[in-house]
PDB file of N, CA and C in Angstrom:
ATOM      1  N   MET A   1     -13.279 -12.676  15.125  1.00  0.00           N
ATOM      2  CA  MET A   1     -12.524 -12.591  13.914  1.00  0.00           C
ATOM      3  C   MET A   1     -13.174 -13.355  12.750  1.00  0.00           C
ATOM      4  N   ASN A   2     -14.150 -14.159  13.137  1.00  0.00           N
ATOM      5  CA  ASN A   2     -14.725 -15.018  12.037  1.00  0.00           C
ATOM      6  C   ASN A   2     -15.933 -14.302  11.319  1.00  0.00           C
ATOM      7  N   ARG A   3     -16.165 -13.001  11.688  1.00  0.00           N
ATOM      8  CA  ARG A   3     -17.306 -12.292  11.020  1.00  0.00           C
ATOM      9  C   ARG A   3     -16.840 -11.255  10.122  1.00  0.00           C
ATOM     10  N   SER A   4     -17.683 -10.970   9.114  1.00  0.00           N
ATOM     11  CA  SER A   4     -17.416  -9.952   8.156  1.00  0.00           C
ATOM     12  C   SER A   4     -17.905  -8.568   8.804  1.00  0.00           C
ATOM     13  N   VAL A   5     -17.599  -7.465   8.220  1.00  0.00           N
ATOM     14  CA  VAL A   5     -17.936  -6.251   8.651  1.00  0.00           C
ATOM     15  C   VAL A   5     -19.468  -6.134   8.467  1.00  0.00           C
ATOM     16  N   GLN A   6     -20.151  -6.766   7.612  1.00  0.00           N
ATOM     17  CA  GLN A   6     -21.640  -6.738   7.465  1.00  0.00           C
ATOM     18  C   GLN A   6     -22.250  -7.434   8.619  1.00  0.00           C
ATOM     19  N   ASP A   7     -21.513  -8.530   9.192  1.00  0.00           N
ATOM     20  CA  ASP A   7     -22.088  -9.227  10.308  1.00  0.00           C
ATOM     21  C   ASP A   7     -22.115  -8.335  11.510  1.00  0.00           C
ATOM     22  N   LEU A   8     -21.400  -7.328  11.572  1.00  0.00           N
ATOM     23  CA  LEU A   8     -21.412  -6.419  12.833  1.00  0.00           C
ATOM     24  C   LEU A   8     -22.500  -5.465  12.896  1.00  0.00           C
ATOM     25  N   ASP A   9     -23.095  -5.135  11.807  1.00  0.00           N
ATOM     26  CA  ASP A   9     -24.224  -4.156  11.754  1.00  0.00           C
ATOM     27  C   ASP A   9     -25.305  -4.558  12.728  1.00  0.00           C
ATOM     28  N   GLY A  10     -25.777  -3.619  13.378  1.00  0.00           N
ATOM     29  CA  GLY A  10     -26.990  -3.706  14.328  1.00  0.00           C
ATOM     30  C   GLY A  10     -26.590  -4.438  15.528  1.00  0.00           C
ATOM     31  N   GLN A  11     -25.392  -4.856  15.746  1.00  0.00           N
ATOM     32  CA  GLN A  11     -25.058  -5.483  16.951  1.00  0.00           C
ATOM     33  C   GLN A  11     -24.306  -4.602  17.978  1.00  0.00           C
ATOM     34  N   GLY A  12     -24.278  -3.287  17.817  1.00  0.00           N
ATOM     35  CA  GLY A  12     -23.694  -2.381  18.652  1.00  0.00           C
ATOM     36  C   GLY A  12     -22.134  -2.303  18.415  1.00  0.00           C
ATOM     37  N   ALA A  13     -21.684  -3.023  17.355  1.00  0.00           N
ATOM     38  CA  ALA A  13     -20.355  -3.026  17.155  1.00  0.00           C
ATOM     39  C   ALA A  13     -20.038  -1.986  16.123  1.00  0.00           C
ATOM     40  N   CYS A  14     -18.807  -1.486  16.099  1.00  0.00           N
ATOM     41  CA  CYS A  14     -18.354  -0.411  15.124  1.00  0.00           C
ATOM     42  C   CYS A  14     -17.746  -1.053  13.829  1.00  0.00           C
ATOM     43  N   GLY A  15     -18.654  -1.383  12.916  1.00  0.00           N
ATOM     44  CA  GLY A  15     -18.172  -2.092  11.695  1.00  0.00           C
ATOM     45  C   GLY A  15     -18.302  -1.218  10.523  1.00  0.00           C
ATOM     46  N   GLY A  16     -17.303  -0.391  10.132  1.00  0.00           N
ATOM     47  CA  GLY A  16     -17.490   0.488   8.891  1.00  0.00           C
ATOM     48  C   GLY A  16     -16.269   0.316   8.031  1.00  0.00           C
ATOM     49  N   LEU A  17     -16.300   0.964   6.944  1.00  0.00           N
ATOM     50  CA  LEU A  17     -15.308   0.888   5.949  1.00  0.00           C
ATOM     51  C   LEU A  17     -14.719   2.319   5.792  1.00  0.00           C
ATOM     52  N   LEU A  18     -13.333   2.398   5.669  1.00  0.00           N
ATOM     53  CA  LEU A  18     -12.637   3.648   5.411  1.00  0.00           C
ATOM     54  C   LEU A  18     -11.929   3.402   4.092  1.00  0.00           C
ATOM     55  N   ILE A  19     -12.301   4.175   2.955  1.00  0.00           N
ATOM     56  CA  ILE A  19     -11.758   3.970   1.705  1.00  0.00           C
ATOM     57  C   ILE A  19     -10.982   5.287   1.386  1.00  0.00           C
ATOM     58  N   VAL A  20      -9.631   5.032   1.144  1.00  0.00           N
ATOM     59  CA  VAL A  20      -8.613   6.212   0.938  1.00  0.00           C
ATOM     60  C   VAL A  20      -8.012   5.778  -0.365  1.00  0.00           C
ATOM     61  N   SER A  21      -7.882   6.740  -1.275  1.00  0.00           N
ATOM     62  CA  SER A  21      -7.206   6.420  -2.637  1.00  0.00           C
ATOM     63  C   SER A  21      -5.660   6.526  -2.340  1.00  0.00           C
ATOM     64  N   GLN A  22      -4.875   5.738  -2.888  1.00  0.00           N
ATOM     65  CA  GLN A  22      -3.503   5.667  -2.780  1.00  0.00           C
ATOM     66  C   GLN A  22      -2.747   5.390  -4.161  1.00  0.00           C
ATOM     67  N   PHE A  23      -2.416   6.445  -4.808  1.00  0.00           N
ATOM     68  CA  PHE A  23      -1.980   6.305  -6.139  1.00  0.00           C
ATOM     69  C   PHE A  23      -0.478   5.595  -6.084  1.00  0.00           C
ATOM     70  N   THR A  24       0.258   5.649  -5.103  1.00  0.00           N
ATOM     71  CA  THR A  24       1.515   5.007  -5.089  1.00  0.00           C
ATOM     72  C   THR A  24       1.578   3.379  -5.226  1.00  0.00           C
ATOM     73  N   LEU A  25       0.323   2.845  -5.119  1.00  0.00           N
ATOM     74  CA  LEU A  25       0.313   1.475  -5.316  1.00  0.00           C
ATOM     75  C   LEU A  25       0.635   0.986  -6.744  1.00  0.00           C
ATOM     76  N   ALA A  26       0.593   1.990  -7.681  1.00  0.00           N
ATOM     77  CA  ALA A  26       0.988   1.711  -8.997  1.00  0.00           C
ATOM     78  C   ALA A  26       2.361   1.916  -9.378  1.00  0.00           C
ATOM     79  N   ALA A  27       3.138   2.185  -8.421  1.00  0.00           N
ATOM     80  CA  ALA A  27       4.684   2.454  -8.648  1.00  0.00           C
ATOM     81  C   ALA A  27       5.300   1.176  -9.032  1.00  0.00           C
ATOM     82  N   ASP A  28       6.164   1.349 -10.155  1.00  0.00           N
ATOM     83  CA  ASP A  28       6.951   0.302 -10.731  1.00  0.00           C
ATOM     84  C   ASP A  28       8.394   0.523 -10.154  1.00  0.00           C
ATOM     85  N   VAL A  29       8.977  -0.444  -9.366  1.00  0.00           N
ATOM     86  CA  VAL A  29      10.394  -0.124  -8.824  1.00  0.00           C
ATOM     87  C   VAL A  29      11.302  -1.188  -9.464  1.00  0.00           C
ATOM     88  N   SER A  30      10.915  -1.887 -10.443  1.00  0.00           N
ATOM     89  CA  SER A  30      11.764  -2.983 -10.984  1.00  0.00           C
ATOM     90  C   SER A  30      13.010  -2.302 -11.842  1.00  0.00           C
ATOM     91  N   GLY A  31      12.954  -1.071 -12.059  1.00  0.00           N
ATOM     92  CA  GLY A  31      14.149  -0.464 -12.775  1.00  0.00           C
ATOM     93  C   GLY A  31      15.133   0.146 -11.900  1.00  0.00           C
ATOM     94  N   GLY A  32      15.041   0.004 -10.648  1.00  0.00           N
ATOM     95  CA  GLY A  32      16.161   0.562  -9.771  1.00  0.00           C
ATOM     96  C   GLY A  32      15.489   1.282  -8.494  1.00  0.00           C
ATOM     97  N   ASN A  33      16.283   2.236  -8.040  1.00  0.00           N
ATOM     98  CA  ASN A  33      15.694   2.959  -6.848  1.00  0.00           C
ATOM     99  C   ASN A  33      14.693   3.944  -7.119  1.00  0.00           C
ATOM    100  N   ARG A  34      14.533   4.383  -8.221  1.00  0.00           N
ATOM    101  CA  ARG A  34      13.562   5.516  -8.494  1.00  0.00           C
ATOM    102  C   ARG A  34      12.224   4.903  -9.028  1.00  0.00           C
ATOM    103  N   PRO A  35      11.069   5.010  -8.254  1.00  0.00           N
ATOM    104  CA  PRO A  35       9.856   4.467  -8.857  1.00  0.00           C
ATOM    105  C   PRO A  35       9.410   5.110 -10.027  1.00  0.00           C
ATOM    106  N   SER A  36       8.732   4.299 -10.880  1.00  0.00           N
ATOM    107  CA  SER A  36       8.041   4.939 -12.166  1.00  0.00           C
ATOM    108  C   SER A  36       6.607   4.809 -12.048  1.00  0.00           C
ATOM    109  N   PHE A  37       5.859   5.756 -12.395  1.00  0.00           N
ATOM    110  CA  PHE A  37       4.395   5.796 -12.377  1.00  0.00           C
ATOM    111  C   PHE A  37       3.824   5.776 -13.790  1.00  0.00           C
ATOM    112  N   THR A  38       4.602   5.377 -14.642  1.00  0.00           N
ATOM    113  CA  THR A  38       4.035   5.315 -16.208  1.00  0.00           C
ATOM    114  C   THR A  38       2.986   4.334 -16.267  1.00  0.00           C
ATOM    115  N   GLY A  39       2.833   3.348 -15.536  1.00  0.00           N
ATOM    116  CA  GLY A  39       1.735   2.395 -15.686  1.00  0.00           C
ATOM    117  C   GLY A  39       0.494   2.846 -14.978  1.00  0.00           C
ATOM    118  N   ALA A  40       0.466   3.965 -14.304  1.00  0.00           N
ATOM    119  CA  ALA A  40      -0.581   4.393 -13.444  1.00  0.00           C
ATOM    120  C   ALA A  40      -1.596   4.969 -14.375  1.00  0.00           C
ATOM    121  N   ALA A  41      -2.900   4.885 -14.008  1.00  0.00           N
ATOM    122  CA  ALA A  41      -3.982   5.556 -14.855  1.00  0.00           C
ATOM    123  C   ALA A  41      -3.921   7.131 -14.736  1.00  0.00           C
ATOM    124  N   PRO A  42      -4.373   7.841 -15.711  1.00  0.00           N
ATOM    125  CA  PRO A  42      -4.385   9.232 -15.741  1.00  0.00           C
ATOM    126  C   PRO A  42      -5.361   9.651 -14.527  1.00  0.00           C
ATOM    127  N   PRO A  43      -5.170  10.756 -14.010  1.00  0.00           N
ATOM    128  CA  PRO A  43      -6.016  11.175 -12.869  1.00  0.00           C
ATOM    129  C   PRO A  43      -7.456  11.159 -13.036  1.00  0.00           C
ATOM    130  N   ASP A  44      -8.006  11.464 -14.286  1.00  0.00           N
ATOM    131  CA  ASP A  44      -9.461  11.402 -14.539  1.00  0.00           C
ATOM    132  C   ASP A  44      -9.979   9.984 -14.387  1.00  0.00           C
ATOM    133  N   GLU A  45      -9.168   9.058 -14.943  1.00  0.00           N
ATOM    134  CA  GLU A  45      -9.593   7.569 -14.885  1.00  0.00           C
ATOM    135  C   GLU A  45      -9.437   7.019 -13.403  1.00  0.00           C
ATOM    136  N   GLY A  46      -8.403   7.511 -12.729  1.00  0.00           N
ATOM    137  CA  GLY A  46      -8.247   7.134 -11.324  1.00  0.00           C
ATOM    138  C   GLY A  46      -9.421   7.563 -10.499  1.00  0.00           C
ATOM    139  N   ARG A  47      -9.801   8.849 -10.796  1.00  0.00           N
ATOM    140  CA  ARG A  47     -11.033   9.330 -10.062  1.00  0.00           C
ATOM    141  C   ARG A  47     -12.264   8.568 -10.360  1.00  0.00           C
ATOM    142  N   ARG A  48     -12.473   8.292 -11.663  1.00  0.00           N
ATOM    143  CA  ARG A  48     -13.692   7.458 -12.068  1.00  0.00           C
ATOM    144  C   ARG A  48     -13.669   6.063 -11.350  1.00  0.00           C
ATOM    145  N   LEU A  49     -12.550   5.420 -11.324  1.00  0.00           N
ATOM    146  CA  LEU A  49     -12.433   4.103 -10.677  1.00  0.00           C
ATOM    147  C   LEU A  49     -12.744   4.188  -9.072  1.00  0.00           C
ATOM    148  N   TYR A  50     -12.135   5.299  -8.508  1.00  0.00           N
ATOM    149  CA  TYR A  50     -12.262   5.372  -7.068  1.00  0.00           C
ATOM    150  C   TYR A  50     -13.727   5.674  -6.891  1.00  0.00           C
ATOM    151  N   ASP A  51     -14.428   6.608  -7.613  1.00  0.00           N
ATOM    152  CA  ASP A  51     -15.833   6.915  -7.398  1.00  0.00           C
ATOM    153  C   ASP A  51     -16.599   5.668  -7.586  1.00  0.00           C
ATOM    154  N   TYR A  52     -16.354   4.810  -8.500  1.00  0.00           N
ATOM    155  CA  TYR A  52     -17.035   3.667  -8.839  1.00  0.00           C
ATOM    156  C   TYR A  52     -16.883   2.610  -7.549  1.00  0.00           C
ATOM    157  N   PHE A  53     -15.640   2.430  -7.134  1.00  0.00           N
ATOM    158  CA  PHE A  53     -15.355   1.591  -5.920  1.00  0.00           C
ATOM    159  C   PHE A  53     -16.204   2.068  -4.779  1.00  0.00           C
ATOM    160  N   VAL A  54     -16.184   3.501  -4.531  1.00  0.00           N
ATOM    161  CA  VAL A  54     -16.905   3.948  -3.339  1.00  0.00           C
ATOM    162  C   VAL A  54     -18.435   3.770  -3.494  1.00  0.00           C
ATOM    163  N   ALA A  55     -18.992   3.949  -4.699  1.00  0.00           N
ATOM    164  CA  ALA A  55     -20.397   3.713  -4.982  1.00  0.00           C
ATOM    165  C   ALA A  55     -20.745   2.209  -4.646  1.00  0.00           C
ATOM    166  N   ARG A  56     -20.009   1.301  -5.221  1.00  0.00           N
ATOM    167  CA  ARG A  56     -20.244  -0.058  -4.948  1.00  0.00           C
ATOM    168  C   ARG A  56     -20.161  -0.415  -3.458  1.00  0.00           C
ATOM    169  N   ALA A  57     -19.160   0.076  -2.816  1.00  0.00           N
ATOM    170  CA  ALA A  57     -19.131  -0.126  -1.288  1.00  0.00           C
ATOM    171  C   ALA A  57     -20.354   0.354  -0.573  1.00  0.00           C
ATOM    172  N   ARG A  58     -20.697   1.533  -0.953  1.00  0.00           N
ATOM    173  CA  ARG A  58     -21.968   2.213  -0.286  1.00  0.00           C
ATOM    174  C   ARG A  58     -23.128   1.435  -0.608  1.00  0.00           C
ATOM    175  N   ALA A  59     -23.294   0.868  -1.781  1.00  0.00           N
ATOM    176  CA  ALA A  59     -24.472   0.010  -2.259  1.00  0.00           C
ATOM    177  C   ALA A  59     -24.555  -1.286  -1.317  1.00  0.00           C
ATOM    178  N   LEU A  60     -23.417  -1.757  -0.823  1.00  0.00           N
ATOM    179  CA  LEU A  60     -23.378  -3.008  -0.042  1.00  0.00           C
ATOM    180  C   LEU A  60     -23.181  -2.813   1.460  1.00  0.00           C
ATOM    181  N   HIS A  61     -22.898  -1.608   1.833  1.00  0.00           N
ATOM    182  CA  HIS A  61     -22.542  -1.428   3.230  1.00  0.00           C
ATOM    183  C   HIS A  61     -22.978  -0.075   3.663  1.00  0.00           C
ATOM    184  N   PRO A  62     -23.652   0.086   4.888  1.00  0.00           N
ATOM    185  CA  PRO A  62     -24.346   1.397   5.200  1.00  0.00           C
ATOM    186  C   PRO A  62     -23.297   2.357   5.886  1.00  0.00           C
ATOM    187  N   LEU A  63     -22.141   1.911   6.286  1.00  0.00           N
ATOM    188  CA  LEU A  63     -21.201   2.851   6.920  1.00  0.00           C
ATOM    189  C   LEU A  63     -19.928   2.906   6.120  1.00  0.00           C
ATOM    190  N   VAL A  64     -19.808   3.836   5.256  1.00  0.00           N
ATOM    191  CA  VAL A  64     -18.646   4.068   4.461  1.00  0.00           C
ATOM    192  C   VAL A  64     -18.166   5.475   4.563  1.00  0.00           C
ATOM    193  N   ALA A  65     -16.844   5.655   5.035  1.00  0.00           N
ATOM    194  CA  ALA A  65     -16.249   6.947   5.080  1.00  0.00           C
ATOM    195  C   ALA A  65     -15.129   6.993   3.992  1.00  0.00           C
ATOM    196  N   THR A  66     -14.840   8.087   3.484  1.00  0.00           N
ATOM    197  CA  THR A  66     -13.811   8.229   2.425  1.00  0.00           C
ATOM    198  C   THR A  66     -12.890   9.346   2.731  1.00  0.00           C
ATOM    199  N   GLY A  67     -11.704   9.199   2.002  1.00  0.00           N
ATOM    200  CA  GLY A  67     -10.721  10.344   1.970  1.00  0.00           C
ATOM    201  C   GLY A  67     -11.130  11.202   0.822  1.00  0.00           C
ATOM    202  N   GLN A  68     -10.219  12.275   0.658  1.00  0.00           N
ATOM    203  CA  GLN A  68     -10.414  13.094  -0.449  1.00  0.00           C
ATOM    204  C   GLN A  68      -9.499  12.695  -1.603  1.00  0.00           C
ATOM    205  N   PHE A  69     -10.009  12.358  -2.778  1.00  0.00           N
ATOM    206  CA  PHE A  69      -9.176  11.839  -3.886  1.00  0.00           C
ATOM    207  C   PHE A  69      -8.100  12.903  -4.247  1.00  0.00           C
ATOM    208  N   ALA A  70      -6.880  12.298  -4.442  1.00  0.00           N
ATOM    209  CA  ALA A  70      -5.717  13.063  -4.885  1.00  0.00           C
ATOM    210  C   ALA A  70      -5.289  14.107  -3.831  1.00  0.00           C
ATOM    211  N   ALA A  71      -5.637  13.987  -2.552  1.00  0.00           N
ATOM    212  CA  ALA A  71      -5.274  14.858  -1.540  1.00  0.00           C
ATOM    213  C   ALA A  71      -4.058  14.179  -0.720  1.00  0.00           C
ATOM    214  N   ASP A  72      -3.260  15.022  -0.053  1.00  0.00           N
ATOM    215  CA  ASP A  72      -2.266  14.497   0.780  1.00  0.00           C
ATOM    216  C   ASP A  72      -2.815  14.281   2.170  1.00  0.00           C
ATOM    217  N   MET A  73      -3.156  13.096   2.536  1.00  0.00           N
ATOM    218  CA  MET A  73      -3.840  12.787   3.725  1.00  0.00           C
ATOM    219  C   MET A  73      -2.920  11.957   4.800  1.00  0.00           C
ATOM    220  N   GLN A  74      -3.086  12.280   6.050  1.00  0.00           N
ATOM    221  CA  GLN A  74      -2.495  11.416   6.923  1.00  0.00           C
ATOM    222  C   GLN A  74      -3.648  10.678   7.650  1.00  0.00           C
ATOM    223  N   VAL A  75      -3.501   9.386   7.696  1.00  0.00           N
ATOM    224  CA  VAL A  75      -4.566   8.502   8.333  1.00  0.00           C
ATOM    225  C   VAL A  75      -4.022   8.026   9.531  1.00  0.00           C
ATOM    226  N   HIS A  76      -4.749   8.188  10.661  1.00  0.00           N
ATOM    227  CA  HIS A  76      -4.313   7.616  11.935  1.00  0.00           C
ATOM    228  C   HIS A  76      -5.512   6.748  12.415  1.00  0.00           C
ATOM    229  N   LEU A  77      -5.102   5.485  12.905  1.00  0.00           N
ATOM    230  CA  LEU A  77      -6.027   4.713  13.413  1.00  0.00           C
ATOM    231  C   LEU A  77      -5.759   3.957  14.751  1.00  0.00           C
ATOM    232  N   VAL A  78      -6.798   3.668  15.465  1.00  0.00           N
ATOM    233  CA  VAL A  78      -6.445   2.804  16.661  1.00  0.00           C
ATOM    234  C   VAL A  78      -7.146   1.514  16.348  1.00  0.00           C
ATOM    235  N   ASN A  79      -6.316   0.382  16.382  1.00  0.00           N
ATOM    236  CA  ASN A  79      -6.868  -0.943  16.129  1.00  0.00           C
ATOM    237  C   ASN A  79      -7.688  -1.357  17.339  1.00  0.00           C
ATOM    238  N   ASP A  80      -8.877  -1.856  17.066  1.00  0.00           N
ATOM    239  CA  ASP A  80      -9.691  -2.446  18.163  1.00  0.00           C
ATOM    240  C   ASP A  80      -9.884  -3.923  17.901  1.00  0.00           C
ATOM    241  N   GLY A  81      -8.805  -4.702  18.282  1.00  0.00           N
ATOM    242  CA  GLY A  81      -8.890  -6.119  18.114  1.00  0.00           C
ATOM    243  C   GLY A  81      -7.486  -6.713  17.932  1.00  0.00           C
ATOM    244  N   PRO A  82      -7.428  -7.947  17.724  1.00  0.00           N
ATOM    245  CA  PRO A  82      -6.096  -8.586  17.687  1.00  0.00           C
ATOM    246  C   PRO A  82      -5.437  -8.504  16.279  1.00  0.00           C
ATOM    247  N   VAL A  83      -6.139  -8.175  15.266  1.00  0.00           N
ATOM    248  CA  VAL A  83      -5.649  -8.469  13.958  1.00  0.00           C
ATOM    249  C   VAL A  83      -6.085  -7.284  12.980  1.00  0.00           C
ATOM    250  N   THR A  84      -5.141  -6.793  12.195  1.00  0.00           N
ATOM    251  CA  THR A  84      -5.524  -5.887  11.133  1.00  0.00           C
ATOM    252  C   THR A  84      -4.996  -6.550   9.857  1.00  0.00           C
ATOM    253  N   ILE A  85      -5.917  -6.548   8.863  1.00  0.00           N
ATOM    254  CA  ILE A  85      -5.443  -7.135   7.549  1.00  0.00           C
ATOM    255  C   ILE A  85      -5.646  -6.109   6.538  1.00  0.00           C
ATOM    256  N   PRO A  86      -4.613  -5.457   5.971  1.00  0.00           N
ATOM    257  CA  PRO A  86      -4.712  -4.531   4.926  1.00  0.00           C
ATOM    258  C   PRO A  86      -5.217  -5.238   3.690  1.00  0.00           C
ATOM    259  N   LEU A  87      -6.060  -4.612   2.803  1.00  0.00           N
ATOM    260  CA  LEU A  87      -6.493  -5.174   1.566  1.00  0.00           C
ATOM    261  C   LEU A  87      -5.995  -4.284   0.499  1.00  0.00           C
ATOM    262  N   HIS A  88      -5.301  -4.880  -0.593  1.00  0.00           N
ATOM    263  CA  HIS A  88      -4.630  -4.020  -1.634  1.00  0.00           C
ATOM    264  C   HIS A  88      -5.411  -4.600  -2.815  1.00  0.00           C
ATOM    265  N   VAL A  89      -6.190  -3.719  -3.478  1.00  0.00           N
ATOM    266  CA  VAL A  89      -6.885  -4.144  -4.734  1.00  0.00           C
ATOM    267  C   VAL A  89      -5.953  -3.704  -6.006  1.00  0.00           C
ATOM    268  N   VAL A  90      -5.694  -4.681  -6.718  1.00  0.00           N
ATOM    269  CA  VAL A  90      -4.802  -4.382  -7.970  1.00  0.00           C
ATOM    270  C   VAL A  90      -5.674  -4.458  -9.291  1.00  0.00           C
ATOM    271  N   ALA A  91      -5.795  -3.334  -9.913  1.00  0.00           N
ATOM    272  CA  ALA A  91      -6.593  -3.291 -11.166  1.00  0.00           C
ATOM    273  C   ALA A  91      -5.945  -4.175 -12.168  1.00  0.00           C
ATOM    274  N   GLY A  92      -6.711  -4.964 -12.798  1.00  0.00           N
ATOM    275  CA  GLY A  92      -6.279  -5.750 -13.996  1.00  0.00           C
ATOM    276  C   GLY A  92      -5.356  -6.948 -13.533  1.00  0.00           C
ATOM    277  N   GLY A  93      -5.395  -7.200 -12.188  1.00  0.00           N
ATOM    278  CA  GLY A  93      -4.433  -8.266 -11.791  1.00  0.00           C
ATOM    279  C   GLY A  93      -5.280  -9.584 -11.394  1.00  0.00           C
TER     280      GLY A  93
END
C-alpha cells in the first residue's frame, strides 16, 4: 500500500489506470432534492478536458484504459487488495 501505481510497473503486478468520465460530479444539490447541472461545462468543453486528462495520464503511465465519453457505462471491478481509494478531481477547486 506504500507504492504508487508507477512503482508496480515491471514487477509482474497489475498496475493500471481506468479513467471514466462522470458528469454527475458537477451536480449542485444545495437547492433541494432535484440536482442542478447549470454549473457543468458544456459537452464540448467536457470532452476537451477529458481528452486532455487522458493524454496527460498516458504521457505519465504506460497502462491506461478509458471509458467512452458521454456513454451510459456500467463499471464492475474486483478489488485486489485491502484498500480502495476513489479519487475525485474537482475542476477549479
